[in-house]
Amino acid sequence: MGTVVRCVLVIIGVTLWLMFAFNSVDSLMSRRRVLGRWGPIIIDRRYMDQEDVQKTPYTNCGDDVLGEVSKVEVEGCNDDPCQLVHGKSATVNIEFKSNVKINSLHAVVYGIVAGIPVRFHVPQEDACHDSGLVCPIKPHQKYNYNATIPIRNSYPRIEVQVKWELVNEDNKILLCVLIPAKIV
């Protein structure tokens, strides 16, 4: 086998290992300090399907949830942490599937600062109205939840984990995501 072919196979193997180790391309690319200047060369996003690229960094925060989140997008957020601007609004889209039938949902949003959850105002807490959802939610179908929250001038300029939950009529959590953010 030629030297060039071996080098290409090693690069492909390292790329696959890094993607597995960091769980996603965005996670991998955010670790540029680990990969140094070679990170963008190892994986060039232009050659990947857009469905494979997660735009907004997030983590699932519920082990005992009734659904599965497949994607989270905060409009205009591609950074870690997301920049939330005073006096503006933040629009979130959460793509998910439910494992059970759900008749009604409400949104609960917190900003977690120093481990302390502080409730964020959500103009439309009923997640079945004006959010792209129509209840009842059927099991194993893909849904997109959309909501906009104001970033009030009274909020302090700090880094915060935004905890977004959708809770059903029995007060059980359908989904829970943590989005790293900075109020600026």
Protein backbone atom coordinates (compact mmCIF):
# COMPACT_ATOMS: atom_id res chain seq x y z
CA MET A 1 0.00 0.00 0.00
CA GLY A 2 1.33 3.42 -0.90
CA THR A 3 2.31 5.99 1.70
CA VAL A 4 -0.37 8.43 0.53
CA VAL A 5 -3.11 5.81 0.83
CA ARG A 6 -1.94 4.89 4.35
CA CYS A 7 -1.98 8.57 5.38
CA VAL A 8 -5.51 9.02 4.04
CA LEU A 9 -6.70 5.89 5.89
CA VAL A 10 -5.10 7.12 9.13
CA ILE A 11 -6.78 10.55 8.76
CA ILE A 12 -10.15 8.89 8.14
CA GLY A 13 -9.69 6.59 11.13
CA VAL A 14 -8.67 9.45 13.43
CA THR A 15 -11.60 11.54 12.18
CA LEU A 16 -14.10 8.77 12.91
CA TRP A 17 -12.58 8.15 16.34
CA LEU A 18 -12.72 11.87 17.20
CA MET A 19 -16.34 12.14 16.03
CA PHE A 20 -17.27 9.14 18.19
CA ALA A 21 -15.28 10.44 21.19
CA PHE A 22 -16.81 13.92 21.06
CA ASN A 23 -20.32 12.74 20.01
CA SER A 24 -20.84 15.42 17.33
CA VAL A 25 -19.09 17.59 14.83
CA ASP A 26 -19.92 20.79 16.74
CA SER A 27 -18.60 19.30 19.96
CA LEU A 28 -15.46 18.31 18.12
CA MET A 29 -15.03 21.70 16.49
CA SER A 30 -15.61 23.50 19.79
CA ARG A 31 -12.60 21.65 21.14
CA ARG A 32 -10.23 23.46 18.81
CA ARG A 33 -7.84 23.87 21.74
CA VAL A 34 -7.44 20.05 21.70
CA LEU A 35 -7.11 19.74 17.94
CA GLY A 36 -5.20 22.96 17.38
CA ARG A 37 -5.11 24.41 13.91
CA TRP A 38 -5.69 20.97 12.35
CA GLY A 39 -9.32 20.67 13.55
CA PRO A 40 -10.82 22.37 10.48
CA ILE A 41 -8.69 20.22 8.18
CA ILE A 42 -9.74 16.96 9.83
CA ILE A 43 -13.44 17.61 9.26
CA ASP A 44 -14.64 20.14 6.72
CA ARG A 45 -18.34 20.84 7.34
CA ARG A 46 -18.93 21.75 3.69
CA TYR A 47 -18.76 18.04 2.86
CA MET A 48 -21.24 16.99 5.51
CA ASP A 49 -25.01 16.80 5.23
CA GLN A 50 -26.63 19.78 6.97
CA GLU A 51 -28.77 17.38 9.00
CA ASP A 52 -25.56 16.10 10.63
CA VAL A 53 -24.52 19.56 11.84
CA GLN A 54 -26.07 20.66 15.12
CA LYS A 55 -26.27 24.46 15.13
CA THR A 56 -27.00 25.22 18.77
CA PRO A 57 -24.99 23.54 21.52
CA TYR A 58 -27.20 21.77 24.06
CA THR A 59 -27.34 18.78 26.37
CA ASN A 60 -30.27 16.63 27.39
CA CYS A 61 -30.97 17.13 31.08
CA GLY A 62 -33.55 14.50 31.85
CA ASP A 63 -33.00 10.79 32.33
CA ASP A 64 -36.61 9.99 33.14
CA VAL A 65 -38.30 11.84 30.25
CA LEU A 66 -41.17 10.79 28.00
CA GLY A 67 -39.57 11.87 24.72
CA GLU A 68 -36.39 12.16 22.68
CA VAL A 69 -34.87 15.42 21.43
CA SER A 70 -33.21 15.23 18.03
CA LYS A 71 -32.29 18.89 17.47
CA VAL A 72 -32.29 22.26 19.24
CA GLU A 73 -31.84 25.58 17.47
CA VAL A 74 -31.78 29.02 18.99
CA GLU A 75 -32.12 31.55 16.20
CA GLY A 76 -28.77 33.19 15.53
CA CYS A 77 -26.88 30.95 17.95
CA ASN A 78 -23.95 28.98 16.66
CA ASP A 79 -21.63 29.75 19.56
CA ASP A 80 -21.03 28.19 22.93
CA PRO A 81 -22.41 29.95 24.91
CA CYS A 82 -25.32 31.47 22.94
CA GLN A 83 -25.38 35.26 23.05
CA LEU A 84 -28.76 36.51 24.34
CA VAL A 85 -29.03 40.27 23.81
CA HIS A 86 -30.83 42.60 26.25
CA GLY A 87 -33.99 44.11 24.82
CA LYS A 88 -34.24 41.48 22.08
CA SER A 89 -36.00 38.13 21.93
CA ALA A 90 -34.63 34.62 21.61
CA THR A 91 -36.47 32.11 19.43
CA VAL A 92 -35.97 28.42 20.14
CA ASN A 93 -36.93 25.42 18.01
CA ILE A 94 -36.85 21.94 19.53
CA GLU A 95 -37.35 18.91 17.32
CA PHE A 96 -38.52 15.85 19.25
CA LYS A 97 -40.51 12.62 19.34
CA SER A 98 -42.73 11.51 22.21
CA ASN A 99 -42.77 7.93 23.44
CA VAL A 100 -46.37 8.24 24.69
CA LYS A 101 -49.60 10.04 23.82
CA ILE A 102 -49.78 13.47 25.46
CA ASN A 103 -52.97 15.55 25.71
CA SER A 104 -51.50 18.85 26.87
CA LEU A 105 -48.09 20.45 27.39
CA HIS A 106 -46.74 23.52 29.08
CA ALA A 107 -43.31 25.10 28.86
CA VAL A 108 -41.17 25.70 31.93
CA VAL A 109 -37.97 27.70 31.42
CA TYR A 110 -35.27 28.45 33.98
CA GLY A 111 -31.99 30.26 33.95
CA ILE A 112 -29.57 28.34 36.15
CA VAL A 113 -27.03 30.62 37.79
CA ALA A 114 -24.52 29.20 40.28
CA GLY A 115 -26.69 26.07 40.52
CA ILE A 116 -29.82 28.04 41.41
CA PRO A 117 -32.78 27.88 38.98
CA VAL A 118 -34.46 31.25 38.31
CA ARG A 119 -37.74 31.12 36.38
CA PHE A 120 -37.78 32.86 32.96
CA HIS A 121 -41.01 34.39 31.74
CA VAL A 122 -42.45 32.52 28.74
CA PRO A 123 -45.18 34.59 27.03
CA GLN A 124 -47.03 31.44 25.90
CA GLU A 125 -46.67 28.71 28.52
CA ASP A 126 -49.28 26.52 26.80
CA ALA A 127 -47.03 24.60 24.41
CA CYS A 128 -50.05 23.40 22.39
CA HIS A 129 -50.88 26.91 21.13
CA ASP A 130 -48.88 29.27 18.91
CA SER A 131 -45.85 26.98 19.06
CA GLY A 132 -46.14 24.77 16.00
CA LEU A 133 -47.65 21.96 18.09
CA VAL A 134 -51.22 20.69 18.01
CA CYS A 135 -52.21 18.51 20.93
CA PRO A 136 -52.69 15.65 21.47
CA ILE A 137 -49.12 14.61 20.73
CA LYS A 138 -48.96 11.15 19.19
CA PRO A 139 -46.19 8.67 20.00
CA HIS A 140 -43.22 8.18 17.66
CA GLN A 141 -43.97 11.13 15.37
CA LYS A 142 -41.55 13.99 14.79
CA TYR A 143 -42.66 17.40 16.14
CA ASN A 144 -41.17 20.90 16.11
CA TYR A 145 -41.82 23.14 19.10
CA ASN A 146 -41.16 26.87 18.57
CA ALA A 147 -41.20 29.61 21.17
CA THR A 148 -39.87 33.12 21.63
CA ILE A 149 -38.86 34.60 24.96
CA PRO A 150 -37.94 38.21 25.65
CA ILE A 151 -34.48 38.95 27.05
CA ARG A 152 -35.48 41.63 29.52
CA ASN A 153 -33.21 44.55 30.32
CA SER A 154 -33.63 43.65 34.00
CA TYR A 155 -31.75 40.38 33.49
CA PRO A 156 -28.14 40.64 34.69
CA ARG A 157 -25.27 40.31 32.20
CA ILE A 158 -24.05 36.84 33.15
CA GLU A 159 -23.45 33.35 31.84
CA VAL A 160 -26.40 31.09 32.45
CA GLN A 161 -27.61 27.60 31.60
CA VAL A 162 -31.09 27.87 30.06
CA LYS A 163 -33.13 24.86 31.14
CA TRP A 164 -36.12 24.33 28.84
CA GLU A 165 -38.73 21.72 29.74
CA LEU A 166 -42.00 20.65 28.20
CA VAL A 167 -44.22 19.10 30.87
CA ASN A 168 -47.41 17.09 30.30
CA GLU A 169 -50.80 17.14 32.02
CA ASP A 170 -49.57 14.67 34.67
CA ASN A 171 -46.59 16.92 35.47
CA LYS A 172 -44.20 14.44 33.82
CA ILE A 173 -41.36 15.82 31.73
CA LEU A 174 -41.59 15.17 27.99
CA LEU A 175 -38.24 16.80 27.24
CA CYS A 176 -35.53 18.74 29.01
CA VAL A 177 -32.58 20.53 27.41
CA LEU A 178 -29.80 22.73 28.78
CA ILE A 179 -28.52 25.48 26.51
CA PRO A 180 -25.36 27.33 27.55
CA ALA A 181 -25.98 31.08 27.18
CA LYS A 182 -24.59 34.47 28.04
CA ILE A 183 -26.84 37.47 28.53
CA VAL A 184 -25.13 40.47 26.94
